[in-house]
Amino acid sequence: MTTIHAIVFEQENTVGFGTFTLPELKPDQMLVKTRYTFVSSGTETRVLGGHYGASGKFPLIPGYAAVGEVVEMGEAVKGYRLGDYLSYNSLNGPAGIHSQWGGQASHHLVGMGDKAIVLPKGADPLDYVASPVAAISLRGVMAAQPQPHECAVVIGQGAIGAFSAGFLASKGCRVIAVDLSESRLQRSYSYGVHACVQAAEPDAAERILAYCDGGANIVVEASGSKQGAALAHKLIRRTPNTYRDPNTYYVNPMSGLVNHWPRIVYQANYLDRLSLDPRLDLNSEGVLLLMPGDRGLEDRLNAVEAIRSKLIDSRHYIDRVVSYKEAPLAYEQLRLQPDQVFSVVFDWSGSGDEGSHSGGLES
């Protein structure tokens, strides 16, 4: 068995550490030694605050974005090799403690059914540690089917919004980034956005619309706030009727409109219930509402390829790389100073190799 170190959310807004023992390695599992884990000021800080069902599960091990090296393999494992670097989300945590995805640990048991992704040969694992987060954004962008020269507005420049802005810019869209944080807005220029708008400005909506022709073709709502969702509804482009006398009632053929409808992509989770009156809030005959919500294996593979091919530069989305031993301070900064600390990567290279490895065969 293997003794591991893990970051533990001990109780609401309290971060510590724990030492645990993984179960015996099964024939269809691999033991992966963590190299880096990624965390932003989004999902994990909300879990730390007791949201997403975490309030009744403390203490727990958080984390869902990790890369590591295969150091041991069960005899039934096929398709993977010792020394492979993987992007993974293990579902096989230690006994005796809850896991809210459980990625923030020094070692993991990764099964064949966990669909770990082998990173490209010679890859620097630091480049790929944020790929599970990037995959969420990429799924939403692909669902919107952006076209070159379309206007896209991204509300919220946390990790999900930032990756969304980068992917939309790579598709040739004119991207307007919106956020309350000046530092995040300035960072977004490195993703290739056309313009930035401070959400706190009293005429923010009018300022955004000044960059659009009658509204945005695509609005990505990634702020996770009711205010952000309400703003998204105001910004969406109205279905045009430019070739008719506006004083004459006329209904355009549906077949001529569907492929040109504007799209709203809800990329955030909301702590408060949203309310939407489509007729009044959207003020358009046709709007596609897209709610991807998560990412699958194909999305994760596409995100890895986007990084490998340099479609996006993943280092632009990494704020700090620190030892995992600095986790309590890092989470506090992410939670209380999100405008100053965008994201943190934990380096697990000093976590040691404690424990005896047994129960598996190399192949």
Protein backbone atom coordinates (compact mmCIF):
# COMPACT_ATOMS: atom_id res chain seq x y z
CA MET A 1 0.00 0.00 0.00
CA THR A 2 1.01 3.63 -0.45
CA THR A 3 1.07 6.41 2.12
CA ILE A 4 0.11 9.76 0.62
CA HIS A 5 -0.02 13.41 1.61
CA ALA A 6 -3.10 15.45 0.78
CA ILE A 7 -4.50 18.93 1.12
CA VAL A 8 -7.57 18.75 3.35
CA PHE A 9 -10.48 21.14 3.75
CA GLU A 10 -10.88 20.51 7.46
CA GLN A 11 -13.97 22.66 7.89
CA GLU A 12 -15.51 25.68 6.25
CA ASN A 13 -12.73 28.07 5.12
CA THR A 14 -10.06 26.08 6.96
CA VAL A 15 -7.29 24.33 5.02
CA GLY A 16 -4.84 21.81 6.43
CA PHE A 17 -3.08 18.59 5.50
CA GLY A 18 -3.48 14.89 6.11
CA THR A 19 -1.62 11.63 5.65
CA PHE A 20 -3.58 8.67 4.34
CA THR A 21 -3.15 5.20 2.93
CA LEU A 22 -4.36 4.23 -0.51
CA PRO A 23 -6.01 0.83 -1.01
CA GLU A 24 -4.09 -2.02 -2.62
CA LEU A 25 -3.42 -1.49 -6.30
CA LYS A 26 -5.89 -3.49 -8.39
CA PRO A 27 -4.89 -5.25 -11.61
CA ASP A 28 -6.61 -2.61 -13.77
CA GLN A 29 -5.17 0.40 -11.91
CA MET A 30 -2.05 2.56 -12.08
CA LEU A 31 -0.28 4.36 -9.26
CA VAL A 32 0.35 7.93 -10.40
CA LYS A 33 2.73 10.29 -8.60
CA THR A 34 1.36 13.82 -8.77
CA ARG A 35 3.58 16.49 -10.32
CA TYR A 36 1.26 19.52 -10.41
CA THR A 37 -2.32 20.41 -9.48
CA PHE A 38 -4.25 23.51 -10.59
CA VAL A 39 -6.74 25.58 -8.64
CA SER A 40 -8.52 28.82 -9.47
CA SER A 41 -10.67 31.16 -7.41
CA GLY A 42 -13.83 29.38 -8.54
CA THR A 43 -15.14 25.91 -7.84
CA GLU A 44 -12.71 24.82 -5.13
CA THR A 45 -13.04 28.03 -3.14
CA ARG A 46 -16.81 27.58 -3.21
CA VAL A 47 -16.38 24.02 -1.96
CA LEU A 48 -14.16 25.45 0.79
CA GLY A 49 -17.05 27.74 1.68
CA GLY A 50 -19.38 24.76 2.10
CA HIS A 51 -21.18 24.97 -1.24
CA TYR A 52 -21.86 22.25 -3.82
CA GLY A 53 -22.85 19.80 -1.10
CA ALA A 54 -19.59 20.14 0.83
CA SER A 55 -21.05 21.50 4.08
CA GLY A 56 -21.89 18.04 5.39
CA LYS A 57 -18.73 16.34 4.13
CA PHE A 58 -15.90 18.11 5.96
CA PRO A 59 -13.13 17.07 6.25
CA LEU A 60 -12.56 16.33 2.55
CA ILE A 61 -9.88 16.25 -0.13
CA PRO A 62 -10.61 18.74 -2.95
CA GLY A 63 -9.22 19.14 -6.45
CA TYR A 64 -10.05 18.04 -10.00
CA ALA A 65 -7.11 19.16 -12.18
CA ALA A 66 -3.90 17.15 -11.84
CA VAL A 67 -1.01 15.83 -13.89
CA GLY A 68 1.37 13.13 -12.77
CA GLU A 69 3.68 10.28 -13.72
CA VAL A 70 2.80 6.59 -13.86
CA VAL A 71 5.11 4.85 -11.35
CA GLU A 72 3.40 1.47 -11.00
CA MET A 73 0.94 -0.55 -13.07
CA GLY A 74 -1.43 -3.41 -12.45
CA GLU A 75 -1.00 -6.50 -14.58
CA ALA A 76 -4.25 -5.92 -16.49
CA VAL A 77 -3.44 -2.33 -17.55
CA LYS A 78 -3.13 -1.96 -21.31
CA GLY A 79 -2.31 1.06 -23.44
CA TYR A 80 -0.34 2.95 -20.79
CA ARG A 81 3.38 2.83 -19.95
CA LEU A 82 5.53 3.42 -16.91
CA GLY A 83 6.82 6.96 -17.09
CA ASP A 84 3.79 8.28 -18.98
CA TYR A 85 2.60 11.68 -17.83
CA LEU A 86 -1.17 11.75 -17.46
CA SER A 87 -3.91 14.32 -17.08
CA TYR A 88 -6.46 12.61 -14.87
CA ASN A 89 -9.19 12.81 -12.29
CA SER A 90 -8.96 9.84 -10.00
CA LEU A 91 -12.13 8.41 -8.51
CA ASN A 92 -10.28 6.07 -6.12
CA GLY A 93 -9.35 8.04 -3.02
CA PRO A 94 -8.18 6.83 0.39
CA ALA A 95 -10.63 5.37 2.87
CA GLY A 96 -11.80 7.31 5.90
CA ILE A 97 -12.21 10.73 4.32
CA HIS A 98 -14.56 12.29 1.80
CA SER A 99 -13.26 13.34 -1.59
CA GLN A 100 -14.69 16.30 -3.46
CA TRP A 101 -12.90 14.96 -6.57
CA GLY A 102 -9.80 14.29 -4.46
CA GLY A 103 -7.12 15.60 -6.81
CA GLN A 104 -5.05 17.54 -4.27
CA ALA A 105 -2.90 14.62 -3.15
CA SER A 106 0.65 13.36 -3.72
CA HIS A 107 -0.37 10.03 -5.30
CA HIS A 108 -3.51 8.61 -6.90
CA LEU A 109 -4.87 5.30 -8.02
CA VAL A 110 -6.07 5.76 -11.59
CA GLY A 111 -8.17 3.02 -13.14
CA MET A 112 -8.64 2.09 -16.77
CA GLY A 113 -12.20 3.39 -16.50
CA ASP A 114 -11.03 6.80 -15.29
CA LYS A 115 -10.02 7.67 -18.87
CA ALA A 116 -6.74 9.33 -18.07
CA ILE A 117 -5.16 11.22 -20.97
CA VAL A 118 -1.57 10.53 -21.96
CA LEU A 119 0.24 13.81 -22.47
CA PRO A 120 2.26 14.31 -25.67
CA LYS A 121 5.77 12.88 -25.70
CA GLY A 122 8.28 15.27 -24.21
CA ALA A 123 5.56 17.51 -22.80
CA ASP A 124 6.20 19.78 -19.86
CA PRO A 125 3.45 18.72 -17.44
CA LEU A 126 3.11 22.30 -16.20
CA ASP A 127 1.73 23.27 -19.62
CA TYR A 128 -1.14 20.80 -19.27
CA VAL A 129 -2.15 21.01 -15.61
CA ALA A 130 -5.01 23.44 -16.40
CA SER A 131 -6.31 21.42 -19.36
CA PRO A 132 -9.33 19.96 -17.47
CA VAL A 133 -10.48 23.52 -16.77
CA ALA A 134 -9.72 24.63 -20.32
CA ALA A 135 -11.83 21.71 -21.57
CA ILE A 136 -14.92 23.12 -19.84
CA SER A 137 -14.48 26.43 -21.64
CA LEU A 138 -13.66 24.76 -24.94
CA ARG A 139 -16.85 22.68 -24.81
CA GLY A 140 -18.95 25.82 -24.38
CA VAL A 141 -17.16 27.66 -27.18
CA MET A 142 -17.52 24.73 -29.57
CA ALA A 143 -21.23 24.45 -28.73
CA ALA A 144 -21.69 28.07 -29.81
CA GLN A 145 -20.05 27.35 -33.20
CA PRO A 146 -18.31 30.73 -33.40
CA GLN A 147 -17.65 32.18 -36.84
CA PRO A 148 -14.80 34.50 -37.81
CA HIS A 149 -15.62 38.19 -37.34
CA GLU A 150 -18.55 37.53 -35.01
CA CYS A 151 -18.76 39.66 -31.89
CA ALA A 152 -18.41 37.70 -28.66
CA VAL A 153 -18.73 39.05 -25.11
CA VAL A 154 -17.35 37.07 -22.17
CA ILE A 155 -18.70 38.13 -18.77
CA GLY A 156 -16.34 37.13 -15.97
CA GLN A 157 -12.60 36.63 -16.38
CA GLY A 158 -11.98 33.90 -13.89
CA ALA A 159 -10.39 30.73 -15.26
CA ILE A 160 -13.48 29.55 -17.20
CA GLY A 161 -14.16 32.98 -18.68
CA ALA A 162 -10.50 33.56 -19.45
CA PHE A 163 -10.14 30.30 -21.36
CA SER A 164 -13.43 31.04 -23.15
CA ALA A 165 -12.09 34.43 -24.25
CA GLY A 166 -8.88 32.85 -25.50
CA PHE A 167 -10.64 30.15 -27.50
CA LEU A 168 -13.10 32.63 -29.04
CA ALA A 169 -10.25 34.92 -30.05
CA SER A 170 -8.46 31.95 -31.64
CA LYS A 171 -11.59 31.37 -33.74
CA GLY A 172 -11.34 34.87 -35.17
CA CYS A 173 -14.07 36.46 -33.08
CA ARG A 174 -13.97 40.06 -31.90
CA VAL A 175 -13.97 39.42 -28.15
CA ILE A 176 -14.96 41.89 -25.44
CA ALA A 177 -13.98 40.84 -21.92
CA VAL A 178 -16.01 42.04 -18.92
CA ASP A 179 -15.06 41.85 -15.25
CA LEU A 180 -14.95 43.81 -12.00
CA SER A 181 -11.21 43.22 -11.56
CA GLU A 182 -8.83 45.52 -13.41
CA SER A 183 -5.98 43.03 -13.10
CA ARG A 184 -8.04 40.30 -14.73
CA LEU A 185 -9.09 42.64 -17.52
CA GLN A 186 -5.50 43.60 -18.20
CA ARG A 187 -4.53 39.91 -18.20
CA SER A 188 -7.22 39.17 -20.79
CA TYR A 189 -5.37 41.22 -23.40
CA SER A 190 -2.76 38.44 -23.44
CA TYR A 191 -5.49 36.06 -24.65
CA GLY A 192 -6.09 38.23 -27.73
CA VAL A 193 -9.28 40.04 -26.75
CA HIS A 194 -10.33 43.11 -28.73
CA ALA A 195 -11.44 45.26 -25.79
CA CYS A 196 -12.13 45.18 -22.06
CA VAL A 197 -14.98 46.76 -20.10
CA GLN A 198 -15.09 47.37 -16.37
CA ALA A 199 -18.38 45.89 -15.15
CA ALA A 200 -18.69 48.47 -12.38
CA GLU A 201 -18.99 51.38 -14.80
CA PRO A 202 -22.51 52.84 -14.73
CA ASP A 203 -22.77 52.63 -18.52
CA ALA A 204 -21.04 49.24 -18.83
CA ALA A 205 -23.79 47.76 -21.00
CA GLU A 206 -23.75 50.73 -23.35
CA ARG A 207 -19.95 50.62 -23.48
CA ILE A 208 -19.99 46.94 -24.44
CA LEU A 209 -22.63 47.55 -27.10
CA ALA A 210 -20.45 50.29 -28.57
CA TYR A 211 -18.11 47.51 -29.68
CA CYS A 212 -20.94 45.50 -31.27
CA ASP A 213 -23.32 45.98 -34.17
CA GLY A 214 -26.66 45.88 -32.41
CA GLY A 215 -25.50 43.42 -29.79
CA ALA A 216 -23.28 40.35 -29.49
CA ASN A 217 -23.56 37.23 -31.62
CA ILE A 218 -22.26 35.19 -28.67
CA VAL A 219 -22.37 36.00 -24.96
CA VAL A 220 -20.53 33.69 -22.55
CA GLU A 221 -21.78 34.16 -18.98
CA ALA A 222 -18.94 32.96 -16.75
CA SER A 223 -19.31 35.21 -13.72
CA GLY A 224 -21.66 32.96 -11.79
CA SER A 225 -23.64 35.97 -10.58
CA LYS A 226 -27.21 37.08 -11.08
CA GLN A 227 -25.89 40.45 -12.22
CA GLY A 228 -23.74 38.78 -14.86
CA ALA A 229 -26.66 36.73 -16.17
CA ALA A 230 -28.89 39.81 -16.33
CA LEU A 231 -26.18 41.66 -18.26
CA ALA A 232 -25.84 38.76 -20.70
CA HIS A 233 -29.55 38.97 -21.48
CA LYS A 234 -29.23 42.69 -22.25
CA LEU A 235 -26.27 42.28 -24.58
CA ILE A 236 -27.53 39.58 -26.94
CA ARG A 237 -28.10 40.76 -30.48
CA ARG A 238 -31.69 41.17 -31.63
CA THR A 239 -32.69 39.15 -34.66
CA PRO A 240 -32.38 41.76 -37.43
CA ASN A 241 -35.15 42.79 -39.77
CA THR A 242 -33.17 45.32 -41.76
CA TYR A 243 -34.71 44.86 -45.18
CA ARG A 244 -38.29 45.73 -44.24
CA ASP A 245 -40.11 48.91 -43.40
CA PRO A 246 -40.01 48.97 -39.57
CA ASN A 247 -43.54 50.41 -39.56
CA THR A 248 -44.91 47.43 -41.46
CA TYR A 249 -45.59 44.25 -39.53
CA TYR A 250 -43.74 41.33 -41.03
CA VAL A 251 -42.57 37.96 -39.69
CA ASN A 252 -39.38 36.61 -41.21
CA PRO A 253 -39.41 33.00 -42.44
CA MET A 254 -38.11 30.77 -39.65
CA SER A 255 -35.87 28.87 -42.08
CA GLY A 256 -33.93 32.02 -42.84
CA LEU A 257 -33.21 32.87 -39.21
CA VAL A 258 -32.24 29.73 -37.32
CA ASN A 259 -28.65 29.58 -38.55
CA HIS A 260 -28.12 33.20 -37.59
CA TRP A 261 -29.58 33.24 -34.11
CA PRO A 262 -27.38 34.73 -31.38
CA ARG A 263 -26.20 32.41 -28.61
CA ILE A 264 -25.87 32.69 -24.84
CA VAL A 265 -23.54 30.17 -23.24
CA TYR A 266 -24.01 29.73 -19.48
CA GLN A 267 -20.59 28.55 -18.31
CA ALA A 268 -20.93 29.18 -14.58
CA ASN A 269 -22.56 27.59 -11.56
CA TYR A 270 -24.94 29.81 -9.60
CA LEU A 271 -25.46 29.88 -5.88
CA ASP A 272 -28.69 31.85 -6.37
CA ARG A 273 -31.59 30.80 -8.56
CA LEU A 274 -31.80 32.69 -11.84
CA SER A 275 -35.04 34.02 -13.27
CA LEU A 276 -35.54 34.59 -17.00
CA ASP A 277 -38.50 35.91 -18.94
CA PRO A 278 -37.41 35.14 -22.51
CA ARG A 279 -39.77 37.57 -24.22
CA LEU A 280 -38.93 40.53 -22.03
CA ASP A 281 -35.31 39.85 -21.06
CA LEU A 282 -33.98 38.68 -24.41
CA ASN A 283 -36.14 40.89 -26.64
CA SER A 284 -35.39 38.77 -29.70
CA GLU A 285 -37.32 36.21 -31.70
CA GLY A 286 -34.53 33.70 -31.72
CA VAL A 287 -31.81 33.08 -29.11
CA LEU A 288 -30.04 29.79 -28.47
CA LEU A 289 -29.44 29.10 -24.78
CA LEU A 290 -26.52 26.70 -24.30
CA MET A 291 -25.63 25.15 -20.96
CA PRO A 292 -22.70 22.71 -21.40
CA GLY A 293 -22.11 22.37 -17.66
CA ASP A 294 -19.12 20.00 -17.76
CA ARG A 295 -16.65 18.34 -20.11
CA GLY A 296 -16.11 14.88 -21.50
CA LEU A 297 -13.14 12.87 -22.68
CA GLU A 298 -13.28 14.34 -26.19
CA ASP A 299 -13.28 17.87 -24.77
CA ARG A 300 -10.26 17.08 -22.59
CA LEU A 301 -8.43 15.60 -25.57
CA ASN A 302 -9.22 18.70 -27.62
CA ALA A 303 -7.95 20.96 -24.84
CA VAL A 304 -4.67 19.03 -24.65
CA GLU A 305 -4.30 19.33 -28.43
CA ALA A 306 -5.06 23.07 -28.29
CA ILE A 307 -2.17 23.47 -25.85
CA ARG A 308 0.17 21.19 -27.78
CA SER A 309 -0.48 22.98 -31.06
CA LYS A 310 -0.10 26.36 -29.33
CA LEU A 311 -3.62 27.41 -30.25
CA ILE A 312 -3.57 28.83 -26.73
CA ASP A 313 -0.67 29.49 -24.38
CA SER A 314 -1.61 27.81 -21.11
CA ARG A 315 1.08 29.69 -19.18
CA HIS A 316 -0.99 32.87 -19.56
CA TYR A 317 -3.57 31.25 -17.29
CA ILE A 318 -1.16 30.33 -14.49
CA ASP A 319 -0.57 33.06 -11.93
CA ARG A 320 1.71 31.37 -9.39
CA VAL A 321 3.52 28.06 -8.95
CA VAL A 322 4.11 27.24 -5.28
CA SER A 323 4.80 24.22 -3.11
CA TYR A 324 1.70 22.32 -2.03
CA LYS A 325 2.83 23.10 1.52
CA GLU A 326 1.71 26.68 0.93
CA ALA A 327 -1.88 25.58 0.33
CA PRO A 328 -3.49 27.28 3.38
CA LEU A 329 -2.18 30.71 2.36
CA ALA A 330 -2.86 30.10 -1.33
CA TYR A 331 -6.51 29.19 -0.76
CA GLU A 332 -6.95 32.16 1.54
CA GLN A 333 -5.65 34.49 -1.17
CA LEU A 334 -7.79 32.84 -3.84
CA ARG A 335 -10.85 33.20 -1.64
CA LEU A 336 -10.28 36.70 -0.26
CA GLN A 337 -8.18 38.35 -2.98
CA PRO A 338 -9.46 36.93 -6.28
CA ASP A 339 -8.65 40.19 -8.05
CA GLN A 340 -4.98 39.77 -7.09
CA VAL A 341 -4.55 35.99 -7.32
CA PHE A 342 -6.03 34.52 -10.49
CA SER A 343 -4.88 30.91 -10.16
CA VAL A 344 -2.32 28.78 -8.34
CA VAL A 345 -0.46 25.65 -9.36
CA PHE A 346 0.73 23.42 -6.54
CA ASP A 347 4.10 21.74 -7.09
CA TRP A 348 4.17 18.28 -5.51
CA SER A 349 7.79 17.42 -6.35
CA GLY A 350 8.77 17.71 -2.70
CA SER A 351 6.02 15.44 -1.39
CA GLY A 352 8.38 12.48 -1.01
CA ASP A 353 7.95 8.81 -1.78
CA GLU A 354 6.83 7.57 1.62
CA GLY A 355 5.10 4.25 1.85
CA SER A 356 5.67 0.82 0.39
CA HIS A 357 4.35 0.24 -3.12
CA SER A 358 2.81 -3.18 -3.53
CA GLY A 359 -0.05 -5.02 -5.13
CA GLY A 360 0.73 -4.41 -8.81
CA LEU A 361 2.91 -5.76 -11.60
CA GLU A 362 4.81 -3.75 -14.20
CA SER A 363 3.93 -4.40 -17.84
